Amino acid sequence: MKMRDFENLVASVTYKPGWEFYIQENPWQLIDNEERVLRADAINQVVIEPGMVEKWTKAQAIEFLRHRIMLAEEHEMQEFFKVGGVQMYDPHPELKSRSITAA
């Protein structure tokens, strides 16, 4: 699949209200190697490496997009699922281990 075809496929995806799917140049990439970032609803982003998309069939690209939605939904469930007001799953355990100290 050519990158242009993948971009068109992504542009045609709809999911829940408020979700957007688009491809942009990687804003954090300092070296221009044509990396693209797939963003879904701003909670999920995936770097699409050069040459990755070209190896996919349309069915594989659709499965990739479906899988990314599933990961984003799982992440949201982990953030907001609580029992008795207690968060049961933490999608950001690494943030709890960080401490800020005054210099």
N, C-alpha and C. Protein backbone atom coordinates (compact mmCIF):
# COMPACT_ATOMS: atom_id res chain seq x y z
N MET A 1 0.86 -1.17 0.00
CA MET A 1 0.00 0.00 0.00
C MET A 1 0.90 1.23 0.00
N LYS A 2 0.59 2.17 -0.84
CA LYS A 2 1.35 3.42 -0.89
C LYS A 2 0.91 4.32 0.25
N MET A 3 1.81 5.19 0.70
CA MET A 3 1.49 6.09 1.81
C MET A 3 0.27 6.94 1.48
N ARG A 4 0.13 7.39 0.25
CA ARG A 4 -1.02 8.21 -0.13
C ARG A 4 -2.32 7.41 0.04
N ASP A 5 -2.29 6.13 -0.32
CA ASP A 5 -3.48 5.28 -0.14
C ASP A 5 -3.80 5.09 1.34
N PHE A 6 -2.75 4.95 2.16
CA PHE A 6 -2.96 4.82 3.60
C PHE A 6 -3.54 6.11 4.18
N GLU A 7 -3.02 7.24 3.74
CA GLU A 7 -3.55 8.53 4.20
C GLU A 7 -5.04 8.66 3.85
N ASN A 8 -5.41 8.25 2.65
CA ASN A 8 -6.82 8.28 2.24
C ASN A 8 -7.66 7.33 3.07
N LEU A 9 -7.11 6.16 3.37
CA LEU A 9 -7.82 5.19 4.21
C LEU A 9 -8.05 5.78 5.61
N VAL A 10 -7.01 6.35 6.18
CA VAL A 10 -7.12 6.95 7.52
C VAL A 10 -8.16 8.08 7.50
N ALA A 11 -8.15 8.89 6.47
CA ALA A 11 -9.11 10.00 6.36
C ALA A 11 -10.55 9.50 6.27
N SER A 12 -10.74 8.28 5.82
CA SER A 12 -12.10 7.75 5.67
C SER A 12 -12.62 7.05 6.93
N VAL A 13 -11.76 6.90 7.94
CA VAL A 13 -12.15 6.18 9.16
C VAL A 13 -13.05 7.06 10.02
N THR A 14 -14.12 6.47 10.51
CA THR A 14 -14.95 7.11 11.53
C THR A 14 -15.08 6.14 12.69
N TYR A 15 -15.26 6.70 13.87
CA TYR A 15 -15.43 5.86 15.06
C TYR A 15 -16.46 6.54 15.94
N LYS A 16 -16.11 6.94 17.12
CA LYS A 16 -17.06 7.58 18.02
C LYS A 16 -17.04 9.10 17.83
N PRO A 17 -18.13 9.76 18.22
CA PRO A 17 -18.12 11.23 18.14
C PRO A 17 -16.92 11.81 18.88
N GLY A 18 -16.27 12.77 18.26
CA GLY A 18 -15.12 13.42 18.87
C GLY A 18 -13.78 12.81 18.51
N TRP A 19 -13.81 11.66 17.87
CA TRP A 19 -12.56 11.03 17.47
C TRP A 19 -12.19 11.50 16.07
N GLU A 20 -10.92 11.80 15.88
CA GLU A 20 -10.40 12.18 14.57
C GLU A 20 -9.20 11.29 14.27
N PHE A 21 -9.06 10.95 13.02
CA PHE A 21 -7.90 10.17 12.58
C PHE A 21 -7.24 10.95 11.46
N TYR A 22 -5.97 11.19 11.62
CA TYR A 22 -5.24 11.89 10.57
C TYR A 22 -3.76 11.55 10.67
N ILE A 23 -3.06 11.89 9.64
CA ILE A 23 -1.62 11.65 9.60
C ILE A 23 -0.95 13.01 9.48
N GLN A 24 0.11 13.17 10.24
CA GLN A 24 0.86 14.41 10.17
C GLN A 24 2.34 14.08 10.16
N GLU A 25 3.14 15.04 9.74
CA GLU A 25 4.58 14.87 9.86
C GLU A 25 4.90 14.78 11.34
N ASN A 26 5.89 14.02 11.69
CA ASN A 26 6.27 13.87 13.09
C ASN A 26 6.84 15.18 13.60
N PRO A 27 6.11 15.86 14.51
CA PRO A 27 6.58 17.17 14.96
C PRO A 27 7.81 17.11 15.84
N TRP A 28 8.15 15.93 16.35
CA TRP A 28 9.32 15.81 17.22
C TRP A 28 10.53 15.25 16.49
N GLN A 29 10.37 14.95 15.24
CA GLN A 29 11.46 14.36 14.48
C GLN A 29 12.39 15.46 13.99
N LEU A 30 13.65 15.39 14.36
CA LEU A 30 14.60 16.42 13.94
C LEU A 30 15.20 16.13 12.58
N ILE A 31 15.31 14.88 12.25
CA ILE A 31 15.86 14.48 10.94
C ILE A 31 14.69 14.13 10.03
N ASP A 32 14.68 14.71 8.84
CA ASP A 32 13.56 14.45 7.93
C ASP A 32 13.76 13.09 7.27
N ASN A 33 13.10 12.09 7.79
CA ASN A 33 13.16 10.77 7.17
C ASN A 33 11.76 10.31 6.78
N GLU A 34 10.86 11.26 6.59
CA GLU A 34 9.50 11.00 6.15
C GLU A 34 8.69 10.17 7.14
N GLU A 35 9.02 10.28 8.42
CA GLU A 35 8.17 9.61 9.41
C GLU A 35 6.82 10.30 9.45
N ARG A 36 5.81 9.53 9.70
CA ARG A 36 4.46 10.06 9.84
C ARG A 36 3.95 9.66 11.22
N VAL A 37 3.05 10.44 11.73
CA VAL A 37 2.43 10.11 13.00
C VAL A 37 0.94 9.94 12.75
N LEU A 38 0.42 8.80 13.16
CA LEU A 38 -1.01 8.56 13.12
C LEU A 38 -1.55 8.98 14.46
N ARG A 39 -2.49 9.89 14.47
CA ARG A 39 -3.08 10.36 15.72
C ARG A 39 -4.55 9.99 15.74
N ALA A 40 -4.98 9.48 16.86
CA ALA A 40 -6.39 9.16 17.03
C ALA A 40 -6.85 9.83 18.31
N ASP A 41 -7.70 10.81 18.18
CA ASP A 41 -8.33 11.44 19.33
C ASP A 41 -7.34 12.05 20.31
N ALA A 42 -6.15 12.33 19.87
CA ALA A 42 -5.11 12.96 20.67
C ALA A 42 -4.69 12.16 21.89
N ILE A 43 -5.30 11.01 22.14
CA ILE A 43 -4.84 10.18 23.27
C ILE A 43 -3.96 9.05 22.77
N ASN A 44 -3.91 8.90 21.50
CA ASN A 44 -3.17 7.78 20.94
C ASN A 44 -2.38 8.27 19.75
N GLN A 45 -1.11 8.05 19.76
CA GLN A 45 -0.36 8.37 18.56
C GLN A 45 0.66 7.28 18.32
N VAL A 46 0.90 7.04 17.08
CA VAL A 46 1.76 5.95 16.67
C VAL A 46 2.67 6.46 15.58
N VAL A 47 3.94 6.23 15.72
CA VAL A 47 4.86 6.61 14.65
C VAL A 47 4.81 5.53 13.58
N ILE A 48 4.53 5.96 12.37
CA ILE A 48 4.55 5.06 11.22
C ILE A 48 5.92 5.22 10.58
N GLU A 49 6.73 4.21 10.70
CA GLU A 49 8.10 4.31 10.20
C GLU A 49 8.12 4.21 8.68
N PRO A 50 9.13 4.87 8.07
CA PRO A 50 9.24 4.79 6.61
C PRO A 50 9.31 3.33 6.16
N GLY A 51 8.58 3.01 5.13
CA GLY A 51 8.59 1.67 4.57
C GLY A 51 7.61 0.71 5.23
N MET A 52 7.07 1.07 6.38
CA MET A 52 6.16 0.19 7.11
C MET A 52 4.86 -0.03 6.33
N VAL A 53 4.24 1.05 5.91
CA VAL A 53 2.95 1.00 5.24
C VAL A 53 3.06 0.29 3.89
N GLU A 54 4.16 0.47 3.22
CA GLU A 54 4.33 -0.10 1.88
C GLU A 54 4.27 -1.63 1.89
N LYS A 55 4.48 -2.22 3.06
CA LYS A 55 4.45 -3.69 3.17
C LYS A 55 3.06 -4.23 3.44
N TRP A 56 2.10 -3.35 3.72
CA TRP A 56 0.77 -3.77 4.11
C TRP A 56 -0.18 -3.91 2.94
N THR A 57 -1.13 -4.84 3.09
CA THR A 57 -2.29 -4.87 2.22
C THR A 57 -3.33 -3.93 2.84
N LYS A 58 -4.40 -3.67 2.13
CA LYS A 58 -5.45 -2.82 2.68
C LYS A 58 -6.05 -3.47 3.94
N ALA A 59 -6.24 -4.78 3.89
CA ALA A 59 -6.79 -5.49 5.06
C ALA A 59 -5.86 -5.37 6.26
N GLN A 60 -4.56 -5.43 6.06
CA GLN A 60 -3.61 -5.29 7.16
C GLN A 60 -3.64 -3.87 7.72
N ALA A 61 -3.78 -2.89 6.86
CA ALA A 61 -3.86 -1.50 7.31
C ALA A 61 -5.11 -1.27 8.15
N ILE A 62 -6.24 -1.85 7.71
CA ILE A 62 -7.48 -1.72 8.48
C ILE A 62 -7.34 -2.40 9.83
N GLU A 63 -6.72 -3.56 9.86
CA GLU A 63 -6.51 -4.27 11.12
C GLU A 63 -5.60 -3.45 12.05
N PHE A 64 -4.58 -2.82 11.50
CA PHE A 64 -3.69 -1.96 12.28
C PHE A 64 -4.49 -0.83 12.94
N LEU A 65 -5.35 -0.18 12.17
CA LEU A 65 -6.17 0.91 12.70
C LEU A 65 -7.13 0.42 13.78
N ARG A 66 -7.76 -0.71 13.54
CA ARG A 66 -8.67 -1.30 14.53
C ARG A 66 -7.93 -1.61 15.82
N HIS A 67 -6.75 -2.16 15.70
CA HIS A 67 -5.95 -2.51 16.88
C HIS A 67 -5.56 -1.25 17.65
N ARG A 68 -5.23 -0.17 16.96
CA ARG A 68 -4.86 1.08 17.64
C ARG A 68 -6.06 1.65 18.41
N ILE A 69 -7.25 1.52 17.85
CA ILE A 69 -8.45 1.97 18.56
C ILE A 69 -8.65 1.13 19.82
N MET A 70 -8.46 -0.18 19.70
CA MET A 70 -8.61 -1.05 20.86
C MET A 70 -7.63 -0.67 21.97
N LEU A 71 -6.39 -0.36 21.61
CA LEU A 71 -5.40 0.04 22.61
C LEU A 71 -5.79 1.36 23.28
N ALA A 72 -6.30 2.30 22.49
CA ALA A 72 -6.72 3.58 23.06
C ALA A 72 -7.89 3.38 24.02
N GLU A 73 -8.84 2.54 23.67
CA GLU A 73 -9.98 2.27 24.53
C GLU A 73 -9.55 1.56 25.81
N GLU A 74 -8.64 0.63 25.70
CA GLU A 74 -8.12 -0.07 26.87
C GLU A 74 -7.44 0.93 27.81
N HIS A 75 -6.70 1.84 27.26
CA HIS A 75 -6.02 2.87 28.05
C HIS A 75 -7.05 3.71 28.81
N GLU A 76 -8.09 4.13 28.13
CA GLU A 76 -9.13 4.94 28.77
C GLU A 76 -9.82 4.17 29.88
N MET A 77 -10.11 2.90 29.65
CA MET A 77 -10.74 2.07 30.68
C MET A 77 -9.83 2.01 31.90
N GLN A 78 -8.55 1.82 31.71
CA GLN A 78 -7.63 1.74 32.83
C GLN A 78 -7.60 3.05 33.62
N GLU A 79 -7.73 4.17 32.95
CA GLU A 79 -7.71 5.45 33.64
C GLU A 79 -8.98 5.71 34.44
N PHE A 80 -10.12 5.31 33.93
CA PHE A 80 -11.39 5.73 34.52
C PHE A 80 -12.17 4.66 35.27
N PHE A 81 -11.78 3.39 35.16
CA PHE A 81 -12.48 2.31 35.86
C PHE A 81 -12.08 2.33 37.33
N LYS A 82 -13.07 2.49 38.19
CA LYS A 82 -12.82 2.53 39.64
C LYS A 82 -13.84 1.65 40.35
N VAL A 83 -13.43 1.11 41.48
CA VAL A 83 -14.32 0.36 42.35
C VAL A 83 -14.25 1.03 43.71
N GLY A 84 -15.38 1.50 44.20
CA GLY A 84 -15.39 2.21 45.47
C GLY A 84 -14.51 3.45 45.45
N GLY A 85 -14.41 4.07 44.28
CA GLY A 85 -13.60 5.28 44.14
C GLY A 85 -12.11 5.03 43.98
N VAL A 86 -11.70 3.76 43.94
CA VAL A 86 -10.28 3.42 43.81
C VAL A 86 -9.98 2.97 42.39
N GLN A 87 -8.98 3.59 41.80
CA GLN A 87 -8.56 3.20 40.45
C GLN A 87 -7.96 1.80 40.51
N MET A 88 -8.51 0.91 39.70
CA MET A 88 -8.10 -0.49 39.74
C MET A 88 -6.91 -0.79 38.83
N TYR A 89 -6.78 -0.04 37.78
CA TYR A 89 -5.72 -0.26 36.80
C TYR A 89 -5.07 1.09 36.52
N ASP A 90 -3.78 1.11 36.40
CA ASP A 90 -3.07 2.36 36.17
C ASP A 90 -2.29 2.29 34.86
N PRO A 91 -2.72 3.04 33.85
CA PRO A 91 -1.98 3.00 32.59
C PRO A 91 -0.69 3.82 32.63
N HIS A 92 -0.46 4.53 33.75
CA HIS A 92 0.73 5.38 33.86
C HIS A 92 1.51 5.09 35.15
N PRO A 93 1.88 3.84 35.39
CA PRO A 93 2.59 3.56 36.65
C PRO A 93 3.93 4.29 36.74
N GLU A 94 4.52 4.58 35.59
CA GLU A 94 5.81 5.26 35.59
C GLU A 94 5.73 6.67 36.16
N LEU A 95 4.57 7.28 36.11
CA LEU A 95 4.40 8.64 36.64
C LEU A 95 4.40 8.66 38.16
N LYS A 96 3.96 7.58 38.78
CA LYS A 96 3.93 7.51 40.23
C LYS A 96 5.33 7.36 40.83
N SER A 97 6.25 6.83 40.05
CA SER A 97 7.60 6.62 40.57
C SER A 97 8.45 7.89 40.43
N ARG A 98 7.96 8.88 39.71
CA ARG A 98 8.71 10.11 39.56
C ARG A 98 8.44 11.03 40.75
N SER A 99 9.46 11.66 41.22
CA SER A 99 9.26 12.64 42.27
C SER A 99 9.93 13.94 41.85
N ILE A 100 9.35 15.02 42.26
CA ILE A 100 9.89 16.32 41.92
C ILE A 100 10.54 16.89 43.17
N THR A 101 11.78 17.26 43.04
CA THR A 101 12.47 17.84 44.17
C THR A 101 12.88 19.27 43.83
N ALA A 102 12.84 20.10 44.83
CA ALA A 102 13.25 21.50 44.60
C ALA A 102 14.76 21.56 44.56
N ALA A 103 15.23 22.38 43.66
CA ALA A 103 16.70 22.52 43.53
C ALA A 103 17.22 23.58 44.46
